[in-house]
Amino acid sequence: MKLTVLLLLVLGGTAAGENLTLSAVPASAEPNIAGSAAVCKDGDRLRLVSRMKLDGHEVQLLRECDGDHEKLAFETKDGWREFDSGAIGGSEQTTFSTLKKRRMLMHRIDTRDGDTSHSRVDLCGYDKSGAPQCGTASVECPETGCQEPTILKGALWLHAKGGRQRFPIKP
């Protein structure tokens, strides 16, 4: 009986992914946006998808007018910073979580390519000086589909093909 339980724990397991390193988000000009739910016009570079607050700062989820990429724009005391979230397509979800008493934004995009599903998570937060930092992790999802990510014990956990995958978060 004890051997069976031990084998289940080992085989059911988790895998360690690469470290998820949070890097400084580069400075940018104030986002040139068309507005909420607006149609892009000449000169507009981005369309506002949603606004939210993170640690007292405004964060905007933006979509390129002439492409299929999204960006996260972070307000700072020195202006705006833009993180290129990457290609869109499939389902999206933006939630908040806590990492060592620090509020974090998790932007998740699940895509399907034939029989294969993928989940990509952008994890972002402000450091102690008020500067935004972001990192990205992605996995191939199991046949049962992608599931919501969690932050636990200083790591991002994603439901991946072959078991849960752990991405230790490095600020």
N, C-alpha and C. Protein backbone atom coordinates (compact mmCIF):
# COMPACT_ATOMS: atom_id res chain seq x y z
N MET A 1 0.82 -1.19 0.00
CA MET A 1 0.00 0.00 0.00
C MET A 1 0.87 1.26 0.00
N LYS A 2 1.89 1.31 0.86
CA LYS A 2 2.76 2.48 0.94
C LYS A 2 3.52 2.68 -0.37
N LEU A 3 3.94 1.61 -1.00
CA LEU A 3 4.66 1.69 -2.26
C LEU A 3 3.76 2.24 -3.36
N THR A 4 2.49 1.83 -3.39
CA THR A 4 1.54 2.32 -4.39
C THR A 4 1.32 3.82 -4.24
N VAL A 5 1.13 4.29 -3.02
CA VAL A 5 0.94 5.71 -2.77
C VAL A 5 2.17 6.50 -3.19
N LEU A 6 3.34 6.00 -2.88
CA LEU A 6 4.58 6.65 -3.26
C LEU A 6 4.71 6.73 -4.78
N LEU A 7 4.39 5.66 -5.49
CA LEU A 7 4.46 5.65 -6.95
C LEU A 7 3.47 6.64 -7.55
N LEU A 8 2.27 6.73 -7.00
CA LEU A 8 1.29 7.69 -7.50
C LEU A 8 1.77 9.12 -7.32
N LEU A 9 2.38 9.41 -6.19
CA LEU A 9 2.90 10.75 -5.95
C LEU A 9 4.02 11.10 -6.92
N VAL A 10 4.89 10.15 -7.18
CA VAL A 10 6.01 10.39 -8.08
C VAL A 10 5.52 10.50 -9.52
N LEU A 11 4.66 9.58 -9.96
CA LEU A 11 4.23 9.57 -11.35
C LEU A 11 3.20 10.64 -11.67
N GLY A 12 2.40 11.07 -10.69
CA GLY A 12 1.38 12.07 -10.93
C GLY A 12 1.96 13.45 -11.06
N GLY A 13 3.01 13.66 -10.54
CA GLY A 13 3.93 14.73 -10.35
C GLY A 13 3.82 16.07 -11.01
N THR A 14 4.88 16.76 -10.79
CA THR A 14 5.04 18.09 -11.33
C THR A 14 6.39 18.16 -12.00
N ALA A 15 6.51 19.09 -12.89
CA ALA A 15 7.79 19.30 -13.57
C ALA A 15 8.22 20.74 -13.37
N ALA A 16 9.50 20.94 -13.20
CA ALA A 16 10.00 22.30 -13.06
C ALA A 16 10.29 22.85 -14.44
N GLY A 17 9.70 24.00 -14.73
CA GLY A 17 9.98 24.68 -15.98
C GLY A 17 11.17 25.61 -15.79
N GLU A 18 11.44 26.39 -16.78
CA GLU A 18 12.49 27.38 -16.65
C GLU A 18 12.04 28.44 -15.66
N ASN A 19 12.97 29.23 -15.17
CA ASN A 19 12.61 30.33 -14.29
C ASN A 19 11.79 31.36 -15.06
N LEU A 20 10.83 31.95 -14.40
CA LEU A 20 10.07 33.05 -14.98
C LEU A 20 10.71 34.32 -14.41
N THR A 21 11.52 34.99 -15.21
CA THR A 21 12.25 36.17 -14.75
C THR A 21 11.46 37.42 -15.07
N LEU A 22 11.21 38.22 -14.05
CA LEU A 22 10.52 39.50 -14.23
C LEU A 22 11.56 40.55 -14.61
N SER A 23 11.39 41.15 -15.78
CA SER A 23 12.32 42.15 -16.29
C SER A 23 11.64 43.50 -16.36
N ALA A 24 12.45 44.56 -16.30
CA ALA A 24 11.93 45.92 -16.38
C ALA A 24 11.20 46.13 -17.70
N VAL A 25 10.07 46.80 -17.64
CA VAL A 25 9.29 47.12 -18.84
C VAL A 25 9.86 48.41 -19.42
N PRO A 26 10.18 48.45 -20.74
CA PRO A 26 10.80 49.64 -21.33
C PRO A 26 9.86 50.84 -21.39
N ALA A 27 10.45 52.03 -21.30
CA ALA A 27 9.70 53.27 -21.38
C ALA A 27 9.14 53.45 -22.78
N SER A 28 8.03 54.16 -22.88
CA SER A 28 7.41 54.45 -24.18
C SER A 28 6.71 55.79 -24.09
N ALA A 29 6.28 56.26 -25.23
CA ALA A 29 5.46 57.48 -25.26
C ALA A 29 4.08 57.13 -24.70
N GLU A 30 3.31 58.14 -24.36
CA GLU A 30 1.95 57.87 -23.91
C GLU A 30 1.22 57.14 -25.02
N PRO A 31 0.51 56.06 -24.69
CA PRO A 31 -0.13 55.26 -25.73
C PRO A 31 -1.06 56.11 -26.61
N ASN A 32 -0.92 55.99 -27.93
CA ASN A 32 -1.79 56.67 -28.89
C ASN A 32 -2.92 55.71 -29.19
N ILE A 33 -4.04 55.87 -28.46
CA ILE A 33 -5.12 54.88 -28.57
C ILE A 33 -6.36 55.49 -29.19
N ALA A 34 -7.13 54.64 -29.83
CA ALA A 34 -8.37 55.05 -30.48
C ALA A 34 -9.49 55.24 -29.46
N GLY A 35 -9.44 54.57 -28.35
CA GLY A 35 -10.48 54.67 -27.33
C GLY A 35 -11.17 53.33 -27.14
N SER A 36 -11.94 53.24 -26.08
CA SER A 36 -12.60 52.00 -25.72
C SER A 36 -13.62 51.58 -26.78
N ALA A 37 -13.51 50.36 -27.25
CA ALA A 37 -14.42 49.76 -28.22
C ALA A 37 -14.56 50.61 -29.48
N ALA A 38 -13.59 51.44 -29.75
CA ALA A 38 -13.65 52.30 -30.94
C ALA A 38 -13.00 51.62 -32.13
N VAL A 39 -13.37 52.09 -33.28
CA VAL A 39 -12.74 51.62 -34.51
C VAL A 39 -11.49 52.45 -34.73
N CYS A 40 -10.40 51.81 -35.09
CA CYS A 40 -9.16 52.52 -35.32
C CYS A 40 -9.29 53.44 -36.53
N LYS A 41 -8.76 54.64 -36.41
CA LYS A 41 -8.77 55.62 -37.49
C LYS A 41 -7.34 55.91 -37.89
N ASP A 42 -7.15 56.69 -38.94
CA ASP A 42 -5.81 57.07 -39.39
C ASP A 42 -5.02 57.66 -38.24
N GLY A 43 -3.81 57.21 -38.07
CA GLY A 43 -2.94 57.73 -37.02
C GLY A 43 -3.02 56.99 -35.71
N ASP A 44 -4.09 56.23 -35.50
CA ASP A 44 -4.20 55.45 -34.27
C ASP A 44 -3.32 54.23 -34.39
N ARG A 45 -2.54 53.99 -33.34
CA ARG A 45 -1.65 52.84 -33.32
C ARG A 45 -2.25 51.68 -32.54
N LEU A 46 -3.03 52.01 -31.51
CA LEU A 46 -3.55 51.00 -30.60
C LEU A 46 -5.02 51.27 -30.28
N ARG A 47 -5.73 50.20 -29.91
CA ARG A 47 -7.12 50.30 -29.47
C ARG A 47 -7.20 49.81 -28.02
N LEU A 48 -7.88 50.58 -27.19
CA LEU A 48 -8.03 50.22 -25.78
C LEU A 48 -9.01 49.07 -25.64
N VAL A 49 -8.57 48.00 -24.99
CA VAL A 49 -9.42 46.84 -24.74
C VAL A 49 -10.00 46.94 -23.33
N SER A 50 -9.16 47.26 -22.34
CA SER A 50 -9.64 47.42 -20.97
C SER A 50 -8.64 48.23 -20.15
N ARG A 51 -9.15 48.78 -19.05
CA ARG A 51 -8.34 49.51 -18.08
C ARG A 51 -8.52 48.86 -16.72
N MET A 52 -7.46 48.88 -15.94
CA MET A 52 -7.54 48.35 -14.58
C MET A 52 -6.53 49.08 -13.71
N LYS A 53 -6.61 48.90 -12.41
CA LYS A 53 -5.69 49.51 -11.47
C LYS A 53 -4.84 48.42 -10.83
N LEU A 54 -3.55 48.70 -10.72
CA LEU A 54 -2.61 47.79 -10.07
C LEU A 54 -1.71 48.65 -9.19
N ASP A 55 -1.76 48.46 -7.90
CA ASP A 55 -0.96 49.23 -6.94
C ASP A 55 -1.12 50.74 -7.13
N GLY A 56 -2.34 51.19 -7.42
CA GLY A 56 -2.61 52.61 -7.56
C GLY A 56 -2.24 53.21 -8.91
N HIS A 57 -1.73 52.41 -9.81
CA HIS A 57 -1.36 52.86 -11.15
C HIS A 57 -2.36 52.33 -12.17
N GLU A 58 -2.58 53.08 -13.24
CA GLU A 58 -3.44 52.59 -14.31
C GLU A 58 -2.66 51.64 -15.20
N VAL A 59 -3.31 50.55 -15.58
CA VAL A 59 -2.75 49.58 -16.53
C VAL A 59 -3.78 49.45 -17.64
N GLN A 60 -3.31 49.51 -18.89
CA GLN A 60 -4.20 49.41 -20.03
C GLN A 60 -3.83 48.19 -20.86
N LEU A 61 -4.84 47.41 -21.24
CA LEU A 61 -4.66 46.31 -22.17
C LEU A 61 -5.00 46.88 -23.54
N LEU A 62 -4.02 46.86 -24.45
CA LEU A 62 -4.15 47.49 -25.76
C LEU A 62 -3.97 46.48 -26.88
N ARG A 63 -4.66 46.69 -27.99
CA ARG A 63 -4.52 45.84 -29.16
C ARG A 63 -4.07 46.71 -30.33
N GLU A 64 -3.09 46.23 -31.10
CA GLU A 64 -2.61 46.98 -32.26
C GLU A 64 -3.72 47.12 -33.29
N CYS A 65 -3.83 48.32 -33.87
CA CYS A 65 -4.86 48.56 -34.88
C CYS A 65 -4.60 47.80 -36.17
N ASP A 66 -3.33 47.65 -36.54
CA ASP A 66 -3.01 47.02 -37.83
C ASP A 66 -2.37 45.65 -37.67
N GLY A 67 -2.63 45.00 -36.57
CA GLY A 67 -1.99 43.70 -36.37
C GLY A 67 -2.76 42.82 -35.42
N ASP A 68 -2.10 41.78 -34.98
CA ASP A 68 -2.74 40.83 -34.08
C ASP A 68 -1.94 40.67 -32.80
N HIS A 69 -1.35 41.77 -32.33
CA HIS A 69 -0.57 41.76 -31.10
C HIS A 69 -1.25 42.59 -30.03
N GLU A 70 -0.99 42.23 -28.79
CA GLU A 70 -1.48 43.01 -27.65
C GLU A 70 -0.30 43.55 -26.88
N LYS A 71 -0.57 44.63 -26.18
CA LYS A 71 0.43 45.26 -25.32
C LYS A 71 -0.22 45.58 -23.99
N LEU A 72 0.59 45.60 -22.95
CA LEU A 72 0.16 46.08 -21.65
C LEU A 72 0.90 47.38 -21.41
N ALA A 73 0.15 48.47 -21.16
CA ALA A 73 0.75 49.78 -20.90
C ALA A 73 0.62 50.07 -19.41
N PHE A 74 1.75 50.44 -18.79
CA PHE A 74 1.80 50.69 -17.36
C PHE A 74 2.09 52.16 -17.09
N GLU A 75 1.26 52.77 -16.27
CA GLU A 75 1.48 54.15 -15.86
C GLU A 75 2.51 54.17 -14.73
N THR A 76 3.48 55.08 -14.84
CA THR A 76 4.45 55.28 -13.77
C THR A 76 4.55 56.76 -13.48
N LYS A 77 5.28 57.12 -12.43
CA LYS A 77 5.45 58.55 -12.11
C LYS A 77 6.26 59.27 -13.19
N ASP A 78 7.03 58.53 -13.99
CA ASP A 78 7.87 59.11 -15.04
C ASP A 78 7.26 58.99 -16.43
N GLY A 79 6.03 58.52 -16.55
CA GLY A 79 5.40 58.35 -17.85
C GLY A 79 4.90 56.92 -18.03
N TRP A 80 4.79 56.49 -19.27
CA TRP A 80 4.25 55.18 -19.58
C TRP A 80 5.34 54.20 -19.97
N ARG A 81 5.06 52.91 -19.73
CA ARG A 81 5.93 51.82 -20.14
C ARG A 81 5.06 50.77 -20.81
N GLU A 82 5.57 50.17 -21.90
CA GLU A 82 4.80 49.21 -22.68
C GLU A 82 5.47 47.85 -22.72
N PHE A 83 4.69 46.81 -22.41
CA PHE A 83 5.15 45.44 -22.49
C PHE A 83 4.43 44.77 -23.65
N ASP A 84 5.18 44.19 -24.59
CA ASP A 84 4.59 43.51 -25.74
C ASP A 84 4.15 42.12 -25.29
N SER A 85 2.85 41.93 -25.16
CA SER A 85 2.30 40.66 -24.70
C SER A 85 2.41 39.58 -25.77
N GLY A 86 2.35 39.97 -27.03
CA GLY A 86 2.52 39.00 -28.11
C GLY A 86 1.25 38.79 -28.90
N ALA A 87 1.27 37.75 -29.72
CA ALA A 87 0.15 37.45 -30.62
C ALA A 87 -1.09 37.06 -29.83
N ILE A 88 -2.23 37.45 -30.37
CA ILE A 88 -3.50 37.11 -29.74
C ILE A 88 -4.21 36.05 -30.56
N GLY A 89 -5.30 35.59 -30.06
CA GLY A 89 -6.08 34.55 -30.73
C GLY A 89 -6.47 33.54 -29.68
N GLY A 90 -7.70 33.12 -29.71
CA GLY A 90 -8.16 32.20 -28.68
C GLY A 90 -8.80 32.95 -27.54
N SER A 91 -8.85 32.33 -26.39
CA SER A 91 -9.49 32.96 -25.23
C SER A 91 -8.47 33.69 -24.37
N GLU A 92 -8.93 34.76 -23.72
CA GLU A 92 -8.07 35.58 -22.88
C GLU A 92 -8.71 35.76 -21.51
N GLN A 93 -7.86 35.96 -20.52
CA GLN A 93 -8.34 36.23 -19.17
C GLN A 93 -7.27 37.04 -18.44
N THR A 94 -7.72 38.09 -17.75
CA THR A 94 -6.80 38.89 -16.94
C THR A 94 -7.29 38.84 -15.50
N THR A 95 -6.42 38.39 -14.60
CA THR A 95 -6.76 38.28 -13.19
C THR A 95 -5.62 38.86 -12.36
N PHE A 96 -5.84 38.93 -11.06
CA PHE A 96 -4.82 39.40 -10.13
C PHE A 96 -4.52 38.30 -9.12
N SER A 97 -3.28 38.26 -8.66
CA SER A 97 -2.86 37.29 -7.66
C SER A 97 -1.82 37.97 -6.77
N THR A 98 -1.38 37.28 -5.74
CA THR A 98 -0.39 37.84 -4.82
C THR A 98 0.87 36.99 -4.83
N LEU A 99 2.01 37.67 -4.88
CA LEU A 99 3.32 37.04 -4.81
C LEU A 99 4.10 37.73 -3.71
N LYS A 100 4.32 37.04 -2.60
CA LYS A 100 5.08 37.60 -1.48
C LYS A 100 4.61 39.01 -1.11
N LYS A 101 3.32 39.14 -0.83
CA LYS A 101 2.68 40.40 -0.43
C LYS A 101 2.67 41.45 -1.53
N ARG A 102 2.94 41.03 -2.75
CA ARG A 102 2.97 41.94 -3.90
C ARG A 102 1.83 41.56 -4.84
N ARG A 103 1.02 42.53 -5.24
CA ARG A 103 -0.09 42.26 -6.14
C ARG A 103 0.44 42.12 -7.56
N MET A 104 0.02 41.06 -8.24
CA MET A 104 0.50 40.75 -9.58
C MET A 104 -0.67 40.62 -10.55
N LEU A 105 -0.46 41.06 -11.79
CA LEU A 105 -1.43 40.92 -12.86
C LEU A 105 -1.05 39.69 -13.68
N MET A 106 -2.02 38.81 -13.92
CA MET A 106 -1.79 37.63 -14.76
C MET A 106 -2.67 37.75 -15.99
N HIS A 107 -2.04 37.90 -17.16
CA HIS A 107 -2.77 37.97 -18.43
C HIS A 107 -2.52 36.66 -19.16
N ARG A 108 -3.59 35.89 -19.33
CA ARG A 108 -3.48 34.54 -19.90
C ARG A 108 -4.15 34.48 -21.27
N ILE A 109 -3.46 33.89 -22.23
CA ILE A 109 -4.01 33.68 -23.56
C ILE A 109 -3.89 32.19 -23.89
N ASP A 110 -5.03 31.56 -24.17
CA ASP A 110 -5.06 30.14 -24.56
C ASP A 110 -5.37 30.07 -26.05
N THR A 111 -4.56 29.31 -26.77
CA THR A 111 -4.76 29.16 -28.21
C THR A 111 -4.84 27.68 -28.57
N ARG A 112 -5.41 27.42 -29.72
CA ARG A 112 -5.55 26.04 -30.20
C ARG A 112 -5.02 25.99 -31.62
N ASP A 113 -4.19 24.99 -31.89
CA ASP A 113 -3.64 24.77 -33.22
C ASP A 113 -3.91 23.31 -33.58
N GLY A 114 -5.00 23.07 -34.28
CA GLY A 114 -5.40 21.69 -34.57
C GLY A 114 -5.84 20.99 -33.30
N ASP A 115 -5.14 19.92 -32.95
CA ASP A 115 -5.46 19.18 -31.73
C ASP A 115 -4.66 19.63 -30.52
N THR A 116 -3.80 20.62 -30.70
CA THR A 116 -2.90 21.05 -29.63
C THR A 116 -3.34 22.39 -29.06
N SER A 117 -3.41 22.48 -27.72
CA SER A 117 -3.74 23.73 -27.03
C SER A 117 -2.50 24.25 -26.33
N HIS A 118 -2.35 25.55 -26.30
CA HIS A 118 -1.24 26.20 -25.62
C HIS A 118 -1.78 27.27 -24.69
N SER A 119 -1.09 27.49 -23.59
CA SER A 119 -1.44 28.56 -22.67
C SER A 119 -0.20 29.42 -22.43
N ARG A 120 -0.35 30.74 -22.60
CA ARG A 120 0.74 31.67 -22.34
C ARG A 120 0.26 32.64 -21.25
N VAL A 121 1.10 32.86 -20.26
CA VAL A 121 0.76 33.75 -19.16
C VAL A 121 1.82 34.83 -19.04
N ASP A 122 1.36 36.09 -19.09
CA ASP A 122 2.22 37.24 -18.79
C ASP A 122 1.97 37.59 -17.34
N LEU A 123 3.03 37.65 -16.56
CA LEU A 123 2.94 37.98 -15.14
C LEU A 123 3.63 39.32 -14.93
N CYS A 124 2.90 40.30 -14.40
CA CYS A 124 3.45 41.65 -14.25
C CYS A 124 3.11 42.23 -12.89
N GLY A 125 3.99 43.09 -12.41
CA GLY A 125 3.77 43.80 -11.16
C GLY A 125 4.73 44.96 -11.05
N TYR A 126 4.48 45.82 -10.09
CA TYR A 126 5.35 46.96 -9.83
C TYR A 126 6.35 46.59 -8.73
N ASP A 127 7.61 47.01 -8.90
CA ASP A 127 8.59 46.76 -7.85
C ASP A 127 8.47 47.83 -6.77
N LYS A 128 9.33 47.80 -5.77
CA LYS A 128 9.26 48.73 -4.64
C LYS A 128 9.43 50.18 -5.05
N SER A 129 10.14 50.41 -6.17
CA SER A 129 10.36 51.79 -6.63
C SER A 129 9.23 52.29 -7.53
N GLY A 130 8.24 51.45 -7.82
CA GLY A 130 7.12 51.85 -8.66
C GLY A 130 7.34 51.60 -10.14
N ALA A 131 8.36 50.82 -10.48
CA ALA A 131 8.64 50.49 -11.88
C ALA A 131 8.00 49.14 -12.21
N PRO A 132 7.32 49.03 -13.37
CA PRO A 132 6.70 47.75 -13.72
C PRO A 132 7.72 46.73 -14.22
N GLN A 133 7.44 45.46 -13.92
CA GLN A 133 8.26 44.34 -14.36
C GLN A 133 7.32 43.26 -14.89
N CYS A 134 7.73 42.57 -15.95
CA CYS A 134 6.91 41.50 -16.53
C CYS A 134 7.78 40.32 -16.94
N GLY A 135 7.15 39.16 -17.01
CA GLY A 135 7.77 37.96 -17.52
C GLY A 135 6.69 37.08 -18.13
N THR A 136 7.10 36.11 -18.94
CA THR A 136 6.14 35.26 -19.65
C THR A 136 6.52 33.79 -19.52
N ALA A 137 5.51 32.95 -19.36
CA ALA A 137 5.69 31.49 -19.36
C ALA A 137 4.63 30.89 -20.27
N SER A 138 4.97 29.80 -20.95
CA SER A 138 3.98 29.14 -21.79
C SER A 138 4.18 27.63 -21.75
N VAL A 139 3.07 26.92 -21.96
CA VAL A 139 3.08 25.46 -21.94
C VAL A 139 2.13 24.92 -23.00
N GLU A 140 2.34 23.66 -23.34
CA GLU A 140 1.36 22.92 -24.13
C GLU A 140 0.40 22.30 -23.13
N CYS A 141 -0.88 22.51 -23.35
CA CYS A 141 -1.89 22.02 -22.41
C CYS A 141 -2.23 20.56 -22.68
N PRO A 142 -2.76 19.86 -21.66
CA PRO A 142 -3.16 18.47 -21.86
C PRO A 142 -4.43 18.39 -22.72
N GLU A 143 -4.82 17.18 -23.07
CA GLU A 143 -6.00 16.97 -23.90
C GLU A 143 -7.26 17.51 -23.24
N THR A 144 -7.28 17.59 -21.92
CA THR A 144 -8.46 18.09 -21.21
C THR A 144 -8.60 19.60 -21.30
N GLY A 145 -7.60 20.28 -21.85
CA GLY A 145 -7.66 21.72 -22.04
C GLY A 145 -6.82 22.48 -21.04
N CYS A 146 -6.68 23.77 -21.30
CA CYS A 146 -5.90 24.66 -20.44
C CYS A 146 -6.71 25.01 -19.20
N GLN A 147 -6.03 25.21 -18.10
CA GLN A 147 -6.70 25.58 -16.86
C GLN A 147 -6.06 26.82 -16.27
N GLU A 148 -6.75 27.42 -15.31
CA GLU A 148 -6.30 28.67 -14.70
C GLU A 148 -4.96 28.49 -13.98
N PRO A 149 -4.04 29.44 -14.19
CA PRO A 149 -2.74 29.37 -13.50
C PRO A 149 -2.89 29.79 -12.04
N THR A 150 -1.91 29.39 -11.23
CA THR A 150 -1.89 29.82 -9.84
C THR A 150 -0.47 30.21 -9.45
N ILE A 151 -0.38 31.07 -8.45
CA ILE A 151 0.91 31.41 -7.86
C ILE A 151 0.93 30.79 -6.48
N LEU A 152 1.96 29.99 -6.23
CA LEU A 152 2.08 29.29 -4.96
C LEU A 152 3.55 29.13 -4.62
N LYS A 153 3.92 29.50 -3.42
CA LYS A 153 5.29 29.33 -2.92
C LYS A 153 6.34 29.92 -3.87
N GLY A 154 6.09 31.14 -4.35
CA GLY A 154 7.07 31.85 -5.16
C GLY A 154 7.22 31.34 -6.58
N ALA A 155 6.21 30.60 -7.06
CA ALA A 155 6.28 30.07 -8.42
C ALA A 155 4.93 30.17 -9.11
N LEU A 156 4.96 30.28 -10.43
CA LEU A 156 3.77 30.23 -11.25
C LEU A 156 3.56 28.76 -11.63
N TRP A 157 2.36 28.25 -11.41
CA TRP A 157 2.03 26.86 -11.72
C TRP A 157 1.04 26.84 -12.88
N LEU A 158 1.38 26.10 -13.94
CA LEU A 158 0.51 25.95 -15.10
C LEU A 158 0.17 24.49 -15.30
N HIS A 159 -1.07 24.24 -15.69
CA HIS A 159 -1.53 22.88 -15.99
C HIS A 159 -1.02 22.53 -17.39
N ALA A 160 -0.04 21.65 -17.47
CA ALA A 160 0.63 21.35 -18.74
C ALA A 160 0.45 19.89 -19.11
N LYS A 161 0.75 19.59 -20.35
CA LYS A 161 0.73 18.20 -20.79
C LYS A 161 1.79 17.45 -19.99
N GLY A 162 1.41 16.35 -19.37
CA GLY A 162 2.35 15.59 -18.55
C GLY A 162 2.31 15.97 -17.09
N GLY A 163 1.44 16.89 -16.68
CA GLY A 163 1.32 17.28 -15.27
C GLY A 163 1.51 18.77 -15.09
N ARG A 164 1.36 19.20 -13.85
CA ARG A 164 1.55 20.62 -13.56
C ARG A 164 3.00 21.00 -13.77
N GLN A 165 3.21 22.23 -14.27
CA GLN A 165 4.57 22.69 -14.49
C GLN A 165 4.80 23.91 -13.61
N ARG A 166 5.94 23.92 -12.94
CA ARG A 166 6.29 24.97 -11.98
C ARG A 166 7.34 25.88 -12.62
N PHE A 167 7.08 27.21 -12.58
CA PHE A 167 8.01 28.21 -13.08
C PHE A 167 8.41 29.10 -11.90
N PRO A 168 9.57 28.86 -11.27
CA PRO A 168 10.00 29.72 -10.17
C PRO A 168 10.12 31.17 -10.65
N ILE A 169 9.58 32.10 -9.88
CA ILE A 169 9.56 33.51 -10.26
C ILE A 169 10.79 34.20 -9.69
N LYS A 170 11.56 34.82 -10.58
CA LYS A 170 12.77 35.54 -10.20
C LYS A 170 12.60 37.02 -10.51
N PRO A 171 12.56 37.86 -9.47
CA PRO A 171 12.40 39.32 -9.73
C PRO A 171 13.64 39.94 -10.33
